[in-house]
Amino acid sequence: MASSGQLSYQLLKSAADPSFEQFFRIYAESIHAREQKPKELIAKMVARRDYKIFLQKLDGDVTGFSIMFAPPGEDFCLLEYMAVDSSRRNTGLGGRLFLHTTQAMGTPGGAPLPMLLEVDSDREPSPDQQMRKRRLEFYKRLGCLRVAALPYILPLVGTGAVPEMFLLVHAPAEARFIPKSQLRHWLAVIYEKVYSCPPNDPRIARMLEGVSDPAGLK
């Protein structure tokens, strides 16, 4: 059942905006600690040309957010993080936030951009395994497909095990394959621009070893 009230969306343009603190509280509470970025880095992302942070508000209060990596001149975008306040989940707000984000991330001509999503795998034994399964089902209902046979490696720095990941794609309904060269390019851009890794990082070749050409989506 969707929450009642006045729902609106805002593009966060400054870390000095009072909404930043509301947004960051949801981020810190919702994102797995191993996958979080420091607050000062998130604040810098607000001002970057290649990032967009959308806030969902209900009666003026932040209820959710999506963080988009959208490098100028590229033919894709990456949904880096998305979450809804824990007190507002299972009310339809997540689906509406995702829909707004996909509609906002089009080309200048209005065509939708293929959107990539880094999502925790549900195959890895973990305390939140059932939540991971529900999250994958949520994205599948919204039209996202997994890149088949791609063991996505999240290139995080720091200590502690990195969670097993899937790479999902939200693309036009008829899209069921991606040229392997295009997928390789997308991964290189993400590794370099999002994680400050070299674009020829050997982990990219390792991920692509078992992937067919073109890469299937399922």
C-alpha atoms as a PDB file:
ATOM      1  CA  MET A   1       0.000   0.000   0.000  1.00  0.00           C
ATOM      2  CA  ALA A   2       1.558   3.299  -1.088  1.00  0.00           C
ATOM      3  CA  SER A   3       2.137   6.047   1.461  1.00  0.00           C
ATOM      4  CA  SER A   4      -0.297   8.946   1.350  1.00  0.00           C
ATOM      5  CA  GLY A   5       0.897  12.542   1.242  1.00  0.00           C
ATOM      6  CA  GLN A   6       2.614  14.865  -1.210  1.00  0.00           C
ATOM      7  CA  LEU A   7       5.379  12.963  -3.023  1.00  0.00           C
ATOM      8  CA  SER A   8       8.108  14.933  -4.789  1.00  0.00           C
ATOM      9  CA  TYR A   9      11.603  14.492  -6.207  1.00  0.00           C
ATOM     10  CA  GLN A  10      14.629  16.744  -5.923  1.00  0.00           C
ATOM     11  CA  LEU A  11      18.056  16.714  -7.524  1.00  0.00           C
ATOM     12  CA  LEU A  12      20.493  17.315  -4.667  1.00  0.00           C
ATOM     13  CA  LYS A  13      22.847  20.098  -5.761  1.00  0.00           C
ATOM     14  CA  SER A  14      24.778  20.956  -2.599  1.00  0.00           C
ATOM     15  CA  ALA A  15      26.013  19.156   0.491  1.00  0.00           C
ATOM     16  CA  ALA A  16      25.056  22.319   2.390  1.00  0.00           C
ATOM     17  CA  ASP A  17      21.382  21.638   1.636  1.00  0.00           C
ATOM     18  CA  PRO A  18      19.661  20.569   4.892  1.00  0.00           C
ATOM     19  CA  SER A  19      18.268  17.563   2.993  1.00  0.00           C
ATOM     20  CA  PHE A  20      21.808  16.172   2.724  1.00  0.00           C
ATOM     21  CA  GLU A  21      21.816  15.086   6.385  1.00  0.00           C
ATOM     22  CA  GLN A  22      18.447  13.325   6.025  1.00  0.00           C
ATOM     23  CA  PHE A  23      19.679  11.600   2.874  1.00  0.00           C
ATOM     24  CA  PHE A  24      22.971  10.530   4.444  1.00  0.00           C
ATOM     25  CA  ARG A  25      21.218   9.060   7.486  1.00  0.00           C
ATOM     26  CA  ILE A  26      19.217   6.754   5.200  1.00  0.00           C
ATOM     27  CA  TYR A  27      22.387   5.933   3.238  1.00  0.00           C
ATOM     28  CA  ALA A  28      24.343   5.016   6.389  1.00  0.00           C
ATOM     29  CA  GLU A  29      21.500   2.903   7.780  1.00  0.00           C
ATOM     30  CA  SER A  30      20.632   1.102   4.532  1.00  0.00           C
ATOM     31  CA  ILE A  31      23.879   0.354   2.686  1.00  0.00           C
ATOM     32  CA  HIS A  32      26.067  -2.557   3.787  1.00  0.00           C
ATOM     33  CA  ALA A  33      28.990  -1.103   5.765  1.00  0.00           C
ATOM     34  CA  ARG A  34      31.579  -2.775   3.490  1.00  0.00           C
ATOM     35  CA  GLU A  35      30.009  -1.069   0.443  1.00  0.00           C
ATOM     36  CA  GLN A  36      29.656   2.427   1.908  1.00  0.00           C
ATOM     37  CA  LYS A  37      31.756   5.438   0.952  1.00  0.00           C
ATOM     38  CA  PRO A  38      32.867   7.994   3.585  1.00  0.00           C
ATOM     39  CA  LYS A  39      30.559  10.932   4.195  1.00  0.00           C
ATOM     40  CA  GLU A  40      33.106  13.430   2.886  1.00  0.00           C
ATOM     41  CA  LEU A  41      33.403  11.487  -0.372  1.00  0.00           C
ATOM     42  CA  ILE A  42      29.620  11.375  -0.781  1.00  0.00           C
ATOM     43  CA  ALA A  43      29.561  15.143  -0.197  1.00  0.00           C
ATOM     44  CA  LYS A  44      32.086  15.637  -3.002  1.00  0.00           C
ATOM     45  CA  MET A  45      30.001  13.454  -5.336  1.00  0.00           C
ATOM     46  CA  VAL A  46      27.147  15.956  -5.051  1.00  0.00           C
ATOM     47  CA  ALA A  47      29.215  18.529  -6.968  1.00  0.00           C
ATOM     48  CA  ARG A  48      30.634  16.173  -9.621  1.00  0.00           C
ATOM     49  CA  ARG A  49      29.399  16.480 -13.221  1.00  0.00           C
ATOM     50  CA  ASP A  50      29.244  12.720 -13.617  1.00  0.00           C
ATOM     51  CA  TYR A  51      26.998  12.109 -10.602  1.00  0.00           C
ATOM     52  CA  LYS A  52      23.347  12.824  -9.897  1.00  0.00           C
ATOM     53  CA  ILE A  53      21.697  12.259  -6.517  1.00  0.00           C
ATOM     54  CA  PHE A  54      17.912  12.148  -6.586  1.00  0.00           C
ATOM     55  CA  LEU A  55      15.974  12.597  -3.357  1.00  0.00           C
ATOM     56  CA  GLN A  56      12.448  11.308  -2.886  1.00  0.00           C
ATOM     57  CA  LYS A  57      10.430  13.361  -0.426  1.00  0.00           C
ATOM     58  CA  LEU A  58       7.077  12.794   1.235  1.00  0.00           C
ATOM     59  CA  ASP A  59       5.564  15.982   2.654  1.00  0.00           C
ATOM     60  CA  GLY A  60       9.022  17.553   2.549  1.00  0.00           C
ATOM     61  CA  ASP A  61      10.885  14.787   4.389  1.00  0.00           C
ATOM     62  CA  VAL A  62      13.448  12.631   2.580  1.00  0.00           C
ATOM     63  CA  THR A  63      12.112   9.075   2.261  1.00  0.00           C
ATOM     64  CA  GLY A  64      14.585   7.662  -0.248  1.00  0.00           C
ATOM     65  CA  PHE A  65      17.390   8.393  -2.654  1.00  0.00           C
ATOM     66  CA  SER A  66      19.179   7.125  -5.747  1.00  0.00           C
ATOM     67  CA  ILE A  67      22.803   7.874  -6.629  1.00  0.00           C
ATOM     68  CA  MET A  68      23.541   7.785 -10.346  1.00  0.00           C
ATOM     69  CA  PHE A  69      26.925   7.685 -12.039  1.00  0.00           C
ATOM     70  CA  ALA A  70      26.327   9.194 -15.483  1.00  0.00           C
ATOM     71  CA  PRO A  71      29.622   9.941 -17.265  1.00  0.00           C
ATOM     72  CA  PRO A  72      29.227  12.628 -19.957  1.00  0.00           C
ATOM     73  CA  GLY A  73      29.612  11.286 -23.474  1.00  0.00           C
ATOM     74  CA  GLU A  74      28.947   7.661 -22.517  1.00  0.00           C
ATOM     75  CA  ASP A  75      26.010   5.518 -23.600  1.00  0.00           C
ATOM     76  CA  PHE A  76      25.104   4.112 -20.169  1.00  0.00           C
ATOM     77  CA  CYS A  77      24.618   5.032 -16.528  1.00  0.00           C
ATOM     78  CA  LEU A  78      25.155   3.180 -13.258  1.00  0.00           C
ATOM     79  CA  LEU A  79      22.701   3.073 -10.377  1.00  0.00           C
ATOM     80  CA  GLU A  80      25.347   3.033  -7.681  1.00  0.00           C
ATOM     81  CA  TYR A  81      23.055   3.152  -4.648  1.00  0.00           C
ATOM     82  CA  MET A  82      19.315   3.283  -4.013  1.00  0.00           C
ATOM     83  CA  ALA A  83      17.439   2.954  -0.740  1.00  0.00           C
ATOM     84  CA  VAL A  84      14.212   3.893   1.014  1.00  0.00           C
ATOM     85  CA  ASP A  85      13.973   4.770   4.698  1.00  0.00           C
ATOM     86  CA  SER A  86      13.415   1.599   6.733  1.00  0.00           C
ATOM     87  CA  SER A  87      10.169   2.976   8.187  1.00  0.00           C
ATOM     88  CA  ARG A  88       8.766   3.500   4.666  1.00  0.00           C
ATOM     89  CA  ARG A  89       9.653   0.226   2.986  1.00  0.00           C
ATOM     90  CA  ASN A  90       7.031  -2.062   1.437  1.00  0.00           C
ATOM     91  CA  THR A  91       4.781   0.898   0.673  1.00  0.00           C
ATOM     92  CA  GLY A  92       5.489   1.235  -3.052  1.00  0.00           C
ATOM     93  CA  LEU A  93       7.969   4.075  -2.646  1.00  0.00           C
ATOM     94  CA  GLY A  94      10.943   2.028  -3.883  1.00  0.00           C
ATOM     95  CA  GLY A  95       9.298   1.215  -7.201  1.00  0.00           C
ATOM     96  CA  ARG A  96       8.232   4.821  -7.720  1.00  0.00           C
ATOM     97  CA  LEU A  97      11.742   6.043  -6.923  1.00  0.00           C
ATOM     98  CA  PHE A  98      13.237   3.604  -9.430  1.00  0.00           C
ATOM     99  CA  LEU A  99      10.742   4.679 -12.107  1.00  0.00           C
ATOM    100  CA  HIS A 100      11.513   8.357 -11.540  1.00  0.00           C
ATOM    101  CA  THR A 101      15.250   7.648 -11.746  1.00  0.00           C
ATOM    102  CA  THR A 102      15.008   5.746 -15.034  1.00  0.00           C
ATOM    103  CA  GLN A 103      12.843   8.465 -16.562  1.00  0.00           C
ATOM    104  CA  ALA A 104      15.243  11.203 -15.436  1.00  0.00           C
ATOM    105  CA  MET A 105      18.309   9.450 -16.869  1.00  0.00           C
ATOM    106  CA  GLY A 106      17.574   9.778 -20.566  1.00  0.00           C
ATOM    107  CA  THR A 107      19.622  11.126 -23.456  1.00  0.00           C
ATOM    108  CA  PRO A 108      19.207  14.774 -24.556  1.00  0.00           C
ATOM    109  CA  GLY A 109      16.848  13.413 -27.200  1.00  0.00           C
ATOM    110  CA  GLY A 110      14.711  11.698 -24.574  1.00  0.00           C
ATOM    111  CA  ALA A 111      15.768   8.099 -25.244  1.00  0.00           C
ATOM    112  CA  PRO A 112      16.374   5.938 -22.159  1.00  0.00           C
ATOM    113  CA  LEU A 113      19.972   5.079 -21.280  1.00  0.00           C
ATOM    114  CA  PRO A 114      20.889   1.487 -20.446  1.00  0.00           C
ATOM    115  CA  MET A 115      21.254   1.422 -16.671  1.00  0.00           C
ATOM    116  CA  LEU A 116      23.641  -0.913 -14.858  1.00  0.00           C
ATOM    117  CA  LEU A 117      23.124  -2.000 -11.251  1.00  0.00           C
ATOM    118  CA  GLU A 118      25.603  -3.624  -8.851  1.00  0.00           C
ATOM    119  CA  VAL A 119      23.473  -5.879  -6.649  1.00  0.00           C
ATOM    120  CA  ASP A 120      24.448  -8.316  -3.901  1.00  0.00           C
ATOM    121  CA  SER A 121      24.164 -11.942  -4.990  1.00  0.00           C
ATOM    122  CA  ASP A 122      21.623 -14.168  -3.230  1.00  0.00           C
ATOM    123  CA  ARG A 123      23.811 -17.251  -3.766  1.00  0.00           C
ATOM    124  CA  GLU A 124      26.322 -16.330  -1.066  1.00  0.00           C
ATOM    125  CA  PRO A 125      25.490 -17.572   2.464  1.00  0.00           C
ATOM    126  CA  SER A 126      24.999 -14.462   4.589  1.00  0.00           C
ATOM    127  CA  PRO A 127      22.786 -13.158   7.411  1.00  0.00           C
ATOM    128  CA  ASP A 128      20.881 -11.031   4.884  1.00  0.00           C
ATOM    129  CA  GLN A 129      20.504 -13.709   2.212  1.00  0.00           C
ATOM    130  CA  GLN A 130      16.706 -13.516   2.188  1.00  0.00           C
ATOM    131  CA  MET A 131      16.811  -9.741   1.905  1.00  0.00           C
ATOM    132  CA  ARG A 132      19.192 -10.072  -1.048  1.00  0.00           C
ATOM    133  CA  LYS A 133      16.749 -12.463  -2.699  1.00  0.00           C
ATOM    134  CA  ARG A 134      13.852 -10.036  -2.206  1.00  0.00           C
ATOM    135  CA  ARG A 135      15.960  -7.178  -3.586  1.00  0.00           C
ATOM    136  CA  LEU A 136      16.776  -9.151  -6.743  1.00  0.00           C
ATOM    137  CA  GLU A 137      13.103 -10.054  -7.183  1.00  0.00           C
ATOM    138  CA  PHE A 138      12.210  -6.365  -6.756  1.00  0.00           C
ATOM    139  CA  TYR A 139      14.571  -5.317  -9.549  1.00  0.00           C
ATOM    140  CA  LYS A 140      13.426  -8.186 -11.766  1.00  0.00           C
ATOM    141  CA  ARG A 141       9.807  -7.014 -11.455  1.00  0.00           C
ATOM    142  CA  LEU A 142      10.983  -3.590 -12.597  1.00  0.00           C
ATOM    143  CA  GLY A 143      12.498  -5.034 -15.769  1.00  0.00           C
ATOM    144  CA  CYS A 144      16.136  -5.544 -14.765  1.00  0.00           C
ATOM    145  CA  LEU A 145      18.025  -8.553 -16.131  1.00  0.00           C
ATOM    146  CA  ARG A 146      21.276 -10.141 -14.951  1.00  0.00           C
ATOM    147  CA  VAL A 147      24.330 -10.371 -17.194  1.00  0.00           C
ATOM    148  CA  ALA A 148      24.620 -14.148 -17.546  1.00  0.00           C
ATOM    149  CA  ALA A 149      27.857 -15.875 -16.504  1.00  0.00           C
ATOM    150  CA  LEU A 150      29.441 -12.624 -15.265  1.00  0.00           C
ATOM    151  CA  PRO A 151      30.903 -12.974 -11.734  1.00  0.00           C
ATOM    152  CA  TYR A 152      30.928  -9.262 -10.961  1.00  0.00           C
ATOM    153  CA  ILE A 153      33.914  -8.208  -8.862  1.00  0.00           C
ATOM    154  CA  LEU A 154      33.358  -5.087  -6.773  1.00  0.00           C
ATOM    155  CA  PRO A 155      36.813  -3.435  -6.598  1.00  0.00           C
ATOM    156  CA  LEU A 156      36.562  -2.097  -3.072  1.00  0.00           C
ATOM    157  CA  VAL A 157      39.592  -1.011  -1.069  1.00  0.00           C
ATOM    158  CA  GLY A 158      39.983  -1.660   2.638  1.00  0.00           C
ATOM    159  CA  THR A 159      39.833  -4.735   4.805  1.00  0.00           C
ATOM    160  CA  GLY A 160      37.174  -7.410   4.947  1.00  0.00           C
ATOM    161  CA  ALA A 161      35.627  -9.717   2.395  1.00  0.00           C
ATOM    162  CA  VAL A 162      33.867  -8.139  -0.574  1.00  0.00           C
ATOM    163  CA  PRO A 163      30.323  -9.476  -1.081  1.00  0.00           C
ATOM    164  CA  GLU A 164      29.541 -11.610  -4.121  1.00  0.00           C
ATOM    165  CA  MET A 165      27.765  -9.458  -6.695  1.00  0.00           C
ATOM    166  CA  PHE A 166      25.605  -9.621  -9.796  1.00  0.00           C
ATOM    167  CA  LEU A 167      25.581  -7.002 -12.544  1.00  0.00           C
ATOM    168  CA  LEU A 168      22.051  -6.179 -13.677  1.00  0.00           C
ATOM    169  CA  VAL A 169      20.942  -4.183 -16.694  1.00  0.00           C
ATOM    170  CA  HIS A 170      17.783  -2.153 -17.135  1.00  0.00           C
ATOM    171  CA  ALA A 171      17.356  -1.720 -20.894  1.00  0.00           C
ATOM    172  CA  PRO A 172      14.534  -1.652 -23.470  1.00  0.00           C
ATOM    173  CA  ALA A 173      12.258  -4.690 -23.239  1.00  0.00           C
ATOM    174  CA  GLU A 174      13.547  -6.181 -26.493  1.00  0.00           C
ATOM    175  CA  ALA A 175      17.203  -6.115 -25.376  1.00  0.00           C
ATOM    176  CA  ARG A 176      18.400  -9.612 -24.472  1.00  0.00           C
ATOM    177  CA  PHE A 177      22.062  -9.393 -25.486  1.00  0.00           C
ATOM    178  CA  ILE A 178      24.968  -6.943 -25.147  1.00  0.00           C
ATOM    179  CA  PRO A 179      28.058  -7.008 -27.387  1.00  0.00           C
ATOM    180  CA  LYS A 180      30.942  -8.200 -25.259  1.00  0.00           C
ATOM    181  CA  SER A 181      33.086  -5.257 -26.396  1.00  0.00           C
ATOM    182  CA  GLN A 182      30.430  -2.842 -25.114  1.00  0.00           C
ATOM    183  CA  LEU A 183      30.232  -4.639 -21.781  1.00  0.00           C
ATOM    184  CA  ARG A 184      34.034  -4.541 -21.497  1.00  0.00           C
ATOM    185  CA  HIS A 185      33.981  -0.793 -22.141  1.00  0.00           C
ATOM    186  CA  TRP A 186      31.302  -0.188 -19.526  1.00  0.00           C
ATOM    187  CA  LEU A 187      33.279  -2.152 -16.934  1.00  0.00           C
ATOM    188  CA  ALA A 188      36.479  -0.242 -17.764  1.00  0.00           C
ATOM    189  CA  VAL A 189      34.717   3.126 -17.329  1.00  0.00           C
ATOM    190  CA  ILE A 190      33.182   2.049 -13.997  1.00  0.00           C
ATOM    191  CA  TYR A 191      36.477   0.706 -12.680  1.00  0.00           C
ATOM    192  CA  GLU A 192      38.347   3.877 -13.649  1.00  0.00           C
ATOM    193  CA  LYS A 193      35.825   6.618 -12.861  1.00  0.00           C
ATOM    194  CA  VAL A 194      33.925   5.132  -9.916  1.00  0.00           C
ATOM    195  CA  TYR A 195      36.624   3.097  -8.156  1.00  0.00           C
ATOM    196  CA  SER A 196      39.864   4.792  -9.345  1.00  0.00           C
ATOM    197  CA  CYS A 197      41.216   1.540 -10.792  1.00  0.00           C
ATOM    198  CA  PRO A 198      43.085   1.283 -14.115  1.00  0.00           C
ATOM    199  CA  PRO A 199      40.763   0.673 -17.084  1.00  0.00           C
ATOM    200  CA  ASN A 200      42.801  -2.426 -17.958  1.00  0.00           C
ATOM    201  CA  ASP A 201      42.524  -3.872 -14.451  1.00  0.00           C
ATOM    202  CA  PRO A 202      43.069  -7.661 -14.750  1.00  0.00           C
ATOM    203  CA  ARG A 203      39.867  -8.312 -12.808  1.00  0.00           C
ATOM    204  CA  ILE A 204      37.874  -7.094 -15.819  1.00  0.00           C
ATOM    205  CA  ALA A 205      39.381  -9.776 -18.070  1.00  0.00           C
ATOM    206  CA  ARG A 206      38.793 -12.345 -15.329  1.00  0.00           C
ATOM    207  CA  MET A 207      35.119 -11.395 -15.090  1.00  0.00           C
ATOM    208  CA  LEU A 208      34.658 -11.692 -18.842  1.00  0.00           C
ATOM    209  CA  GLU A 209      36.402 -15.051 -19.315  1.00  0.00           C
ATOM    210  CA  GLY A 210      33.238 -17.155 -19.261  1.00  0.00           C
ATOM    211  CA  VAL A 211      30.924 -14.598 -20.857  1.00  0.00           C
ATOM    212  CA  SER A 212      29.619 -15.320 -24.365  1.00  0.00           C
ATOM    213  CA  ASP A 213      29.711 -12.809 -27.211  1.00  0.00           C
ATOM    214  CA  PRO A 214      27.230 -11.242 -27.256  1.00  0.00           C
ATOM    215  CA  ALA A 215      26.610 -11.438 -23.505  1.00  0.00           C
ATOM    216  CA  GLY A 216      23.175 -12.761 -22.648  1.00  0.00           C
ATOM    217  CA  LEU A 217      20.728 -11.150 -20.237  1.00  0.00           C
ATOM    218  CA  LYS A 218      18.414 -13.271 -18.142  1.00  0.00           C
END
